Amino acid sequence: MILQDYIPTDWKTALEAEFAKDYFIALERLLAKAYQEKKIIHPNRSKIFYALEKVPFQDVRVVILGQDPYHGQGQAMGLSFSVPRGIKIPPSLRNIFREMMNDVQLEYPIHGDLTKWADQGVLLLNAILTVEHKSAASHSKWGWETLTDQIMKILSDQGNNIVFLLWGKFAQSKKALIDETKHLVLEAAHPSPLARDKFQGCQHFSKTNEYLVSKGRKRIDWSLETP
């Protein structure tokens, strides 16, 4: 499997130096082996780099960092925290929506498809981009984290005035990759049911827009389709 063939051209240019590195070659081999063994891998291979496909490199305004894809049937779509229309909204995303409702006074959406956010420059990036069916974190340490760390670092180095939303300890461990003199980092507990009460009240949606507007950038319309 030649992973770089699935990466959009602008991101491929930014990440070109990674493709010859040992970790990237090893990652390709591990994935190729998994497919050869007929393992069920989420998301579909055409959606592995969907987050990058939806947000061109130069258009990134916000990064919401997740850990790894949903591992249930039909859930993963290549965007962190997002699920396709018609799929039940997962608990963490329900809590994200509750905070969004309280923070920026929006109605509860009827679906969990966050494509509208991505279309506005919100990079919905998982640190690990694939997972085996019903086996959470099964592709951890395969090399994905090294690649997505590099994505974060390149955005920090080459971008300006990006908002990085780091929810939970895992995401917050990536804070060192970000130059806080150029960007805004907002941290909160993970929106999972286990930490819901700590996540609620973080006001990251309004704080993101306040920062973007203060830097002359367009605010994010967080609204999604409602009944």
C-alpha atoms as a PDB file:
ATOM      1  CA  MET A   1       0.000   0.000   0.000  1.00  0.00           C
ATOM      2  CA  ILE A   2       1.444   3.373  -1.064  1.00  0.00           C
ATOM      3  CA  LEU A   3      -0.009   5.736   1.521  1.00  0.00           C
ATOM      4  CA  GLN A   4       1.140   8.943  -0.110  1.00  0.00           C
ATOM      5  CA  ASP A   5      -1.098   8.199  -3.098  1.00  0.00           C
ATOM      6  CA  TYR A   6      -4.075   8.860  -0.810  1.00  0.00           C
ATOM      7  CA  ILE A   7      -2.770  12.200   0.542  1.00  0.00           C
ATOM      8  CA  PRO A   8      -4.033  15.400  -1.140  1.00  0.00           C
ATOM      9  CA  THR A   9      -1.408  17.211  -3.220  1.00  0.00           C
ATOM     10  CA  ASP A  10      -0.933  20.258  -0.993  1.00  0.00           C
ATOM     11  CA  TRP A  11      -0.453  18.153   2.126  1.00  0.00           C
ATOM     12  CA  LYS A  12       1.744  15.714   0.192  1.00  0.00           C
ATOM     13  CA  THR A  13       4.078  18.592  -0.624  1.00  0.00           C
ATOM     14  CA  ALA A  14       4.189  19.703   3.018  1.00  0.00           C
ATOM     15  CA  LEU A  15       4.846  16.150   4.256  1.00  0.00           C
ATOM     16  CA  GLU A  16       7.153  14.968   1.467  1.00  0.00           C
ATOM     17  CA  ALA A  17      10.179  14.551   3.736  1.00  0.00           C
ATOM     18  CA  GLU A  18       8.295  11.953   5.812  1.00  0.00           C
ATOM     19  CA  PHE A  19       7.697   9.433   3.058  1.00  0.00           C
ATOM     20  CA  ALA A  20      11.245   8.051   2.943  1.00  0.00           C
ATOM     21  CA  LYS A  21      11.590   7.722   6.712  1.00  0.00           C
ATOM     22  CA  ASP A  22      11.731   4.300   8.349  1.00  0.00           C
ATOM     23  CA  TYR A  23       8.593   4.792  10.441  1.00  0.00           C
ATOM     24  CA  PHE A  24       6.498   5.698   7.381  1.00  0.00           C
ATOM     25  CA  ILE A  25       7.727   2.719   5.382  1.00  0.00           C
ATOM     26  CA  ALA A  26       7.008   0.441   8.365  1.00  0.00           C
ATOM     27  CA  LEU A  27       3.514   1.922   8.677  1.00  0.00           C
ATOM     28  CA  GLU A  28       2.790   1.187   5.016  1.00  0.00           C
ATOM     29  CA  ARG A  29       3.917  -2.412   5.482  1.00  0.00           C
ATOM     30  CA  LEU A  30       1.766  -2.926   8.583  1.00  0.00           C
ATOM     31  CA  LEU A  31      -1.303  -1.594   6.818  1.00  0.00           C
ATOM     32  CA  ALA A  32      -0.625  -3.624   3.681  1.00  0.00           C
ATOM     33  CA  LYS A  33      -0.334  -6.779   5.813  1.00  0.00           C
ATOM     34  CA  ALA A  34      -3.593  -6.014   7.614  1.00  0.00           C
ATOM     35  CA  TYR A  35      -5.441  -5.594   4.317  1.00  0.00           C
ATOM     36  CA  GLN A  36      -3.859  -8.752   2.899  1.00  0.00           C
ATOM     37  CA  GLU A  37      -5.101 -10.658   5.950  1.00  0.00           C
ATOM     38  CA  LYS A  38      -8.616  -9.368   5.232  1.00  0.00           C
ATOM     39  CA  LYS A  39      -8.785  -7.440   8.502  1.00  0.00           C
ATOM     40  CA  ILE A  40     -11.659  -4.953   8.709  1.00  0.00           C
ATOM     41  CA  ILE A  41     -10.030  -1.526   8.965  1.00  0.00           C
ATOM     42  CA  HIS A  42     -11.822   1.735   9.776  1.00  0.00           C
ATOM     43  CA  PRO A  43     -12.288   4.106   8.108  1.00  0.00           C
ATOM     44  CA  ASN A  44     -12.456   2.931   4.500  1.00  0.00           C
ATOM     45  CA  ARG A  45      -9.032   3.407   2.919  1.00  0.00           C
ATOM     46  CA  SER A  46     -10.404   6.206   0.711  1.00  0.00           C
ATOM     47  CA  LYS A  47     -11.264   8.135   3.896  1.00  0.00           C
ATOM     48  CA  ILE A  48      -8.016   7.641   5.846  1.00  0.00           C
ATOM     49  CA  PHE A  49      -6.831  11.143   4.935  1.00  0.00           C
ATOM     50  CA  TYR A  50     -10.297  12.684   4.612  1.00  0.00           C
ATOM     51  CA  ALA A  51      -9.498  15.354   7.217  1.00  0.00           C
ATOM     52  CA  LEU A  52      -6.641  16.569   5.033  1.00  0.00           C
ATOM     53  CA  GLU A  53      -8.759  16.283   1.899  1.00  0.00           C
ATOM     54  CA  LYS A  54     -11.481  18.498   3.363  1.00  0.00           C
ATOM     55  CA  VAL A  55      -9.157  21.238   4.636  1.00  0.00           C
ATOM     56  CA  PRO A  56      -6.343  22.386   2.340  1.00  0.00           C
ATOM     57  CA  PHE A  57      -3.088  23.091   4.148  1.00  0.00           C
ATOM     58  CA  GLN A  58      -3.297  26.870   3.754  1.00  0.00           C
ATOM     59  CA  ASP A  59      -6.952  26.995   4.895  1.00  0.00           C
ATOM     60  CA  VAL A  60      -6.581  25.512   8.391  1.00  0.00           C
ATOM     61  CA  ARG A  61      -8.057  27.860  11.014  1.00  0.00           C
ATOM     62  CA  VAL A  62      -8.858  25.439  13.831  1.00  0.00           C
ATOM     63  CA  VAL A  63      -7.538  21.996  14.804  1.00  0.00           C
ATOM     64  CA  ILE A  64      -9.623  19.599  16.912  1.00  0.00           C
ATOM     65  CA  LEU A  65      -7.377  16.694  17.818  1.00  0.00           C
ATOM     66  CA  GLY A  66      -8.842  13.265  18.491  1.00  0.00           C
ATOM     67  CA  GLN A  67      -7.066  10.031  19.392  1.00  0.00           C
ATOM     68  CA  ASP A  68      -8.105   7.265  16.994  1.00  0.00           C
ATOM     69  CA  PRO A  69     -11.116   6.491  14.774  1.00  0.00           C
ATOM     70  CA  TYR A  70     -14.347   4.979  16.006  1.00  0.00           C
ATOM     71  CA  HIS A  71     -14.061   1.194  15.724  1.00  0.00           C
ATOM     72  CA  GLY A  72     -17.735   0.271  15.275  1.00  0.00           C
ATOM     73  CA  GLN A  73     -19.337  -0.568  11.950  1.00  0.00           C
ATOM     74  CA  GLY A  74     -20.089   2.498   9.839  1.00  0.00           C
ATOM     75  CA  GLN A  75     -18.936   5.042  12.432  1.00  0.00           C
ATOM     76  CA  ALA A  76     -15.512   6.244  11.259  1.00  0.00           C
ATOM     77  CA  MET A  77     -15.461   8.737   8.409  1.00  0.00           C
ATOM     78  CA  GLY A  78     -11.942  10.179   8.620  1.00  0.00           C
ATOM     79  CA  LEU A  79     -12.884  13.217  10.711  1.00  0.00           C
ATOM     80  CA  SER A  80     -12.215  13.235  14.458  1.00  0.00           C
ATOM     81  CA  PHE A  81     -15.361  12.908  16.607  1.00  0.00           C
ATOM     82  CA  SER A  82     -17.571  12.880  13.481  1.00  0.00           C
ATOM     83  CA  VAL A  83     -19.941  10.119  12.329  1.00  0.00           C
ATOM     84  CA  PRO A  84     -21.912   9.867   9.071  1.00  0.00           C
ATOM     85  CA  ARG A  85     -25.554  10.880   8.909  1.00  0.00           C
ATOM     86  CA  GLY A  86     -27.799   8.053  10.009  1.00  0.00           C
ATOM     87  CA  ILE A  87     -25.294   6.749  12.570  1.00  0.00           C
ATOM     88  CA  LYS A  88     -26.162   7.166  16.250  1.00  0.00           C
ATOM     89  CA  ILE A  89     -24.324  10.128  17.797  1.00  0.00           C
ATOM     90  CA  PRO A  90     -21.605   8.733  20.126  1.00  0.00           C
ATOM     91  CA  PRO A  91     -21.444   9.832  23.786  1.00  0.00           C
ATOM     92  CA  SER A  92     -18.397  12.115  23.424  1.00  0.00           C
ATOM     93  CA  LEU A  93     -19.946  13.925  20.477  1.00  0.00           C
ATOM     94  CA  ARG A  94     -23.210  14.319  22.402  1.00  0.00           C
ATOM     95  CA  ASN A  95     -21.262  16.093  25.133  1.00  0.00           C
ATOM     96  CA  ILE A  96     -19.505  18.281  22.560  1.00  0.00           C
ATOM     97  CA  PHE A  97     -22.914  19.279  21.212  1.00  0.00           C
ATOM     98  CA  ARG A  98     -24.229  20.048  24.703  1.00  0.00           C
ATOM     99  CA  GLU A  99     -21.314  22.388  25.356  1.00  0.00           C
ATOM    100  CA  MET A 100     -21.791  23.985  21.934  1.00  0.00           C
ATOM    101  CA  MET A 101     -25.488  24.559  22.695  1.00  0.00           C
ATOM    102  CA  ASN A 102     -24.747  26.220  26.024  1.00  0.00           C
ATOM    103  CA  ASP A 103     -21.745  28.199  24.817  1.00  0.00           C
ATOM    104  CA  VAL A 104     -23.007  29.685  21.561  1.00  0.00           C
ATOM    105  CA  GLN A 105     -26.763  29.118  21.987  1.00  0.00           C
ATOM    106  CA  LEU A 106     -27.381  26.613  19.199  1.00  0.00           C
ATOM    107  CA  GLU A 107     -29.954  23.854  18.923  1.00  0.00           C
ATOM    108  CA  TYR A 108     -29.005  20.191  19.282  1.00  0.00           C
ATOM    109  CA  PRO A 109     -28.148  18.727  15.834  1.00  0.00           C
ATOM    110  CA  ILE A 110     -30.029  15.796  14.317  1.00  0.00           C
ATOM    111  CA  HIS A 111     -26.831  14.118  13.093  1.00  0.00           C
ATOM    112  CA  GLY A 112     -23.154  13.819  13.990  1.00  0.00           C
ATOM    113  CA  ASP A 113     -21.616  14.666  10.616  1.00  0.00           C
ATOM    114  CA  LEU A 114     -19.115  17.488  11.198  1.00  0.00           C
ATOM    115  CA  THR A 115     -18.273  18.021   7.527  1.00  0.00           C
ATOM    116  CA  LYS A 116     -19.698  21.548   7.713  1.00  0.00           C
ATOM    117  CA  TRP A 117     -17.020  22.424  10.274  1.00  0.00           C
ATOM    118  CA  ALA A 118     -14.295  20.966   8.062  1.00  0.00           C
ATOM    119  CA  ASP A 119     -15.581  22.974   5.103  1.00  0.00           C
ATOM    120  CA  GLN A 120     -14.841  26.121   7.125  1.00  0.00           C
ATOM    121  CA  GLY A 121     -11.234  25.252   7.927  1.00  0.00           C
ATOM    122  CA  VAL A 122     -11.650  23.101  11.045  1.00  0.00           C
ATOM    123  CA  LEU A 123      -9.111  20.279  10.740  1.00  0.00           C
ATOM    124  CA  LEU A 124     -10.712  17.304  12.488  1.00  0.00           C
ATOM    125  CA  LEU A 125      -7.530  15.292  12.916  1.00  0.00           C
ATOM    126  CA  ASN A 126      -7.084  12.017  14.741  1.00  0.00           C
ATOM    127  CA  ALA A 127      -3.577  11.277  16.002  1.00  0.00           C
ATOM    128  CA  ILE A 128      -4.015   7.685  14.790  1.00  0.00           C
ATOM    129  CA  LEU A 129      -5.718   7.424  11.407  1.00  0.00           C
ATOM    130  CA  THR A 130      -6.806   3.781  11.249  1.00  0.00           C
ATOM    131  CA  VAL A 131      -8.140   1.132  13.633  1.00  0.00           C
ATOM    132  CA  GLU A 132      -9.142  -2.526  13.418  1.00  0.00           C
ATOM    133  CA  HIS A 133     -12.846  -3.313  13.760  1.00  0.00           C
ATOM    134  CA  LYS A 134     -13.995  -3.471  17.388  1.00  0.00           C
ATOM    135  CA  SER A 135     -10.421  -3.065  18.661  1.00  0.00           C
ATOM    136  CA  ALA A 136      -9.809   0.427  20.032  1.00  0.00           C
ATOM    137  CA  ALA A 137      -6.266   1.795  19.702  1.00  0.00           C
ATOM    138  CA  SER A 138      -5.206  -1.339  17.806  1.00  0.00           C
ATOM    139  CA  HIS A 139      -3.059   0.713  15.412  1.00  0.00           C
ATOM    140  CA  SER A 140      -1.431   2.739  18.160  1.00  0.00           C
ATOM    141  CA  LYS A 141       2.379   2.783  17.862  1.00  0.00           C
ATOM    142  CA  TRP A 142       2.217   1.808  14.199  1.00  0.00           C
ATOM    143  CA  GLY A 143       3.691   5.151  13.184  1.00  0.00           C
ATOM    144  CA  TRP A 144       0.583   7.267  12.740  1.00  0.00           C
ATOM    145  CA  GLU A 145       1.404   9.359  15.800  1.00  0.00           C
ATOM    146  CA  THR A 146       4.758  10.333  14.299  1.00  0.00           C
ATOM    147  CA  LEU A 147       3.103  11.460  11.073  1.00  0.00           C
ATOM    148  CA  THR A 148       0.332  13.434  12.750  1.00  0.00           C
ATOM    149  CA  ASP A 149       2.820  15.000  15.179  1.00  0.00           C
ATOM    150  CA  GLN A 150       4.616  16.268  12.095  1.00  0.00           C
ATOM    151  CA  ILE A 151       1.341  17.637  10.714  1.00  0.00           C
ATOM    152  CA  MET A 152       0.827  19.544  13.965  1.00  0.00           C
ATOM    153  CA  LYS A 153       4.389  20.852  13.923  1.00  0.00           C
ATOM    154  CA  ILE A 154       4.214  21.975  10.301  1.00  0.00           C
ATOM    155  CA  LEU A 155       0.949  23.799  10.971  1.00  0.00           C
ATOM    156  CA  SER A 156       2.530  25.486  13.981  1.00  0.00           C
ATOM    157  CA  ASP A 157       5.694  26.452  12.112  1.00  0.00           C
ATOM    158  CA  GLN A 158       4.185  27.544   8.805  1.00  0.00           C
ATOM    159  CA  GLY A 159       0.726  28.730   9.832  1.00  0.00           C
ATOM    160  CA  ASN A 160      -0.420  31.764  11.785  1.00  0.00           C
ATOM    161  CA  ASN A 161      -3.288  32.400  14.204  1.00  0.00           C
ATOM    162  CA  ILE A 162      -4.599  28.831  14.313  1.00  0.00           C
ATOM    163  CA  VAL A 163      -6.704  27.674  17.270  1.00  0.00           C
ATOM    164  CA  PHE A 164      -5.725  24.249  18.623  1.00  0.00           C
ATOM    165  CA  LEU A 165      -8.394  22.560  20.753  1.00  0.00           C
ATOM    166  CA  LEU A 166      -6.802  19.923  22.986  1.00  0.00           C
ATOM    167  CA  TRP A 167      -9.398  17.847  24.831  1.00  0.00           C
ATOM    168  CA  GLY A 168      -8.098  15.321  27.339  1.00  0.00           C
ATOM    169  CA  LYS A 169      -4.630  14.294  28.470  1.00  0.00           C
ATOM    170  CA  PHE A 170      -3.701  12.560  25.231  1.00  0.00           C
ATOM    171  CA  ALA A 171      -4.396  15.622  23.098  1.00  0.00           C
ATOM    172  CA  GLN A 172      -2.741  17.886  25.658  1.00  0.00           C
ATOM    173  CA  SER A 173       0.449  15.826  25.381  1.00  0.00           C
ATOM    174  CA  LYS A 174       0.828  17.383  21.911  1.00  0.00           C
ATOM    175  CA  LYS A 175       0.955  20.932  23.278  1.00  0.00           C
ATOM    176  CA  ALA A 176       4.756  21.038  23.049  1.00  0.00           C
ATOM    177  CA  LEU A 177       4.463  20.835  19.243  1.00  0.00           C
ATOM    178  CA  ILE A 178       2.678  24.198  19.074  1.00  0.00           C
ATOM    179  CA  ASP A 179       4.238  27.663  19.140  1.00  0.00           C
ATOM    180  CA  GLU A 180       1.929  29.544  21.483  1.00  0.00           C
ATOM    181  CA  THR A 181       3.412  32.903  20.456  1.00  0.00           C
ATOM    182  CA  LYS A 182       1.752  32.409  17.040  1.00  0.00           C
ATOM    183  CA  HIS A 183      -1.351  30.396  17.884  1.00  0.00           C
ATOM    184  CA  LEU A 184      -4.026  29.915  20.520  1.00  0.00           C
ATOM    185  CA  VAL A 185      -4.090  26.649  22.485  1.00  0.00           C
ATOM    186  CA  LEU A 186      -7.289  25.854  24.406  1.00  0.00           C
ATOM    187  CA  GLU A 187      -7.281  22.892  26.787  1.00  0.00           C
ATOM    188  CA  ALA A 188     -10.147  21.070  28.477  1.00  0.00           C
ATOM    189  CA  ALA A 189     -11.042  17.653  29.836  1.00  0.00           C
ATOM    190  CA  HIS A 190     -12.040  15.050  27.281  1.00  0.00           C
ATOM    191  CA  PRO A 191     -15.751  15.209  26.402  1.00  0.00           C
ATOM    192  CA  SER A 192     -16.251  11.503  27.193  1.00  0.00           C
ATOM    193  CA  PRO A 193     -18.934  10.603  29.755  1.00  0.00           C
ATOM    194  CA  LEU A 194     -16.187   9.956  32.306  1.00  0.00           C
ATOM    195  CA  ALA A 195     -15.117  13.612  32.273  1.00  0.00           C
ATOM    196  CA  ARG A 196     -18.263  15.308  31.009  1.00  0.00           C
ATOM    197  CA  ASP A 197     -18.701  17.593  34.016  1.00  0.00           C
ATOM    198  CA  LYS A 198     -15.140  18.870  33.663  1.00  0.00           C
ATOM    199  CA  PHE A 199     -15.568  19.472  29.928  1.00  0.00           C
ATOM    200  CA  GLN A 200     -18.825  21.378  30.274  1.00  0.00           C
ATOM    201  CA  GLY A 201     -18.304  25.120  30.615  1.00  0.00           C
ATOM    202  CA  CYS A 202     -14.994  25.266  28.731  1.00  0.00           C
ATOM    203  CA  GLN A 203     -16.551  27.730  26.228  1.00  0.00           C
ATOM    204  CA  HIS A 204     -14.124  26.692  23.510  1.00  0.00           C
ATOM    205  CA  PHE A 205     -16.551  27.455  20.698  1.00  0.00           C
ATOM    206  CA  SER A 206     -17.017  31.102  21.636  1.00  0.00           C
ATOM    207  CA  LYS A 207     -13.358  31.529  22.629  1.00  0.00           C
ATOM    208  CA  THR A 208     -12.269  30.166  19.257  1.00  0.00           C
ATOM    209  CA  ASN A 209     -14.390  32.689  17.394  1.00  0.00           C
ATOM    210  CA  GLU A 210     -13.310  35.568  19.623  1.00  0.00           C
ATOM    211  CA  TYR A 211      -9.678  34.798  18.844  1.00  0.00           C
ATOM    212  CA  LEU A 212     -10.232  34.354  15.104  1.00  0.00           C
ATOM    213  CA  VAL A 213     -12.118  37.642  14.849  1.00  0.00           C
ATOM    214  CA  SER A 214      -9.416  39.413  16.881  1.00  0.00           C
ATOM    215  CA  LYS A 215      -6.887  38.257  14.263  1.00  0.00           C
ATOM    216  CA  GLY A 216      -9.001  39.371  11.316  1.00  0.00           C
ATOM    217  CA  ARG A 217     -10.075  35.837  10.462  1.00  0.00           C
ATOM    218  CA  LYS A 218     -13.604  34.650   9.750  1.00  0.00           C
ATOM    219  CA  ARG A 219     -15.514  33.095  12.637  1.00  0.00           C
ATOM    220  CA  ILE A 220     -16.698  29.463  12.522  1.00  0.00           C
ATOM    221  CA  ASP A 221     -20.416  28.822  12.098  1.00  0.00           C
ATOM    222  CA  TRP A 222     -20.748  25.871  14.487  1.00  0.00           C
ATOM    223  CA  SER A 223     -24.421  25.250  13.675  1.00  0.00           C
ATOM    224  CA  LEU A 224     -25.487  21.923  12.199  1.00  0.00           C
ATOM    225  CA  GLU A 225     -28.799  20.719  10.857  1.00  0.00           C
ATOM    226  CA  THR A 226     -31.548  20.659  13.493  1.00  0.00           C
ATOM    227  CA  PRO A 227     -35.135  19.325  13.506  1.00  0.00           C
END
